[in-house]
Protein backbone atom coordinates (compact mmCIF):
# COMPACT_ATOMS: atom_id res chain seq x y z
CA MET A 1 105.60 -47.18 -102.44
CA HIS A 2 102.08 -47.46 -102.15
CA GLU A 3 99.88 -47.31 -104.65
CA TYR A 4 95.69 -47.46 -104.27
CA TYR A 5 92.93 -47.35 -107.22
CA PHE A 6 89.98 -46.11 -107.01
CA TYR A 7 87.01 -44.55 -108.54
CA MET A 8 85.64 -41.32 -107.30
CA ASP A 9 81.81 -39.66 -108.64
CA LEU A 10 82.17 -36.31 -106.51
CA SER A 11 78.98 -33.68 -107.81
CA HIS A 12 79.83 -30.15 -108.82
CA GLU A 13 78.13 -28.91 -105.40
CA GLN A 14 80.19 -31.93 -103.88
CA CYS A 15 83.17 -30.77 -105.27
CA MET A 16 82.49 -26.90 -104.18
CA ALA A 17 81.93 -27.77 -100.63
CA TYR A 18 85.95 -28.30 -100.96
CA TYR A 19 86.53 -24.74 -102.47
CA HIS A 20 83.86 -22.58 -100.22
CA GLY A 21 85.82 -24.39 -96.87
CA HIS A 22 84.07 -26.71 -95.62
CA VAL A 23 85.65 -29.91 -96.68
CA GLU A 24 89.20 -30.48 -95.60
CA PHE A 25 89.46 -34.74 -96.61
CA ILE A 26 88.43 -36.41 -99.04
CA GLN A 27 87.93 -40.83 -98.32
CA VAL A 28 88.19 -43.64 -100.64
CA VAL A 29 87.39 -46.91 -100.51
CA GLU A 30 90.59 -47.96 -102.55
CA ASP A 31 89.89 -51.94 -104.74
CA GLY A 32 90.88 -53.75 -102.47
CA GLY A 33 88.25 -52.90 -99.72
CA LYS A 34 91.01 -49.94 -97.27
CA ARG A 35 89.95 -46.52 -96.88
CA VAL A 36 92.14 -44.17 -97.91
CA ARG A 37 91.88 -40.78 -96.63
CA PHE A 38 93.57 -38.15 -98.37
CA PRO A 39 94.11 -33.86 -98.13
CA ALA A 40 91.31 -32.62 -100.73
CA HIS A 41 93.75 -29.59 -102.68
CA HIS A 42 94.73 -32.93 -104.60
CA ILE A 43 91.78 -33.06 -106.47
CA ARG A 44 91.13 -29.64 -108.11
CA ARG A 45 92.91 -30.52 -111.10
CA HIS A 46 90.68 -32.86 -111.69
CA VAL A 47 87.59 -30.78 -111.16
CA SER A 48 85.49 -29.88 -114.28
CA THR A 49 82.19 -28.77 -114.04
CA LEU A 50 80.22 -32.01 -113.99
CA GLY A 51 82.56 -32.07 -110.37
CA VAL A 52 85.49 -35.37 -110.06
CA ARG A 53 84.31 -38.64 -111.85
CA GLY A 54 86.32 -41.45 -112.98
CA ARG A 55 88.86 -44.26 -112.18
CA PHE A 56 92.15 -42.72 -109.85
CA ARG A 57 95.84 -43.67 -108.80
CA LEU A 58 97.14 -42.59 -105.66
CA LEU A 59 100.53 -42.85 -105.08
CA LEU A 60 101.71 -42.45 -101.84
CA ASP A 61 105.61 -42.19 -99.92
CA GLU A 62 106.97 -44.71 -98.29
CA ASN A 63 105.80 -42.34 -95.31
CA ASN A 64 102.19 -42.07 -96.13
CA ARG A 65 103.19 -38.84 -97.84
CA PHE A 66 101.05 -37.85 -100.89
CA VAL A 67 103.10 -38.16 -104.07
CA ALA A 68 100.56 -38.15 -106.69
CA LEU A 69 96.94 -38.12 -107.53
CA GLU A 70 96.29 -39.75 -111.50
CA LYS A 71 93.49 -40.33 -113.52
CA VAL A 72 93.57 -44.07 -114.87
CA VAL A 73 92.11 -43.96 -118.03
């Protein structure tokens, strides 16, 4: 299992680009400096009226398939 920690700060307008079909993937830079890309629909449960803000942990399986995206307190 691979895990990546990163901070995400997306405005409400940036999140709406996903809902309108203009954004398919989210790319972030994890704490170690590696760029990680995952399907944008995984942010859906984290979107608020302000957008998406906070520290997250992305879990991928051994084949780099999505397992979970969790907000870290």
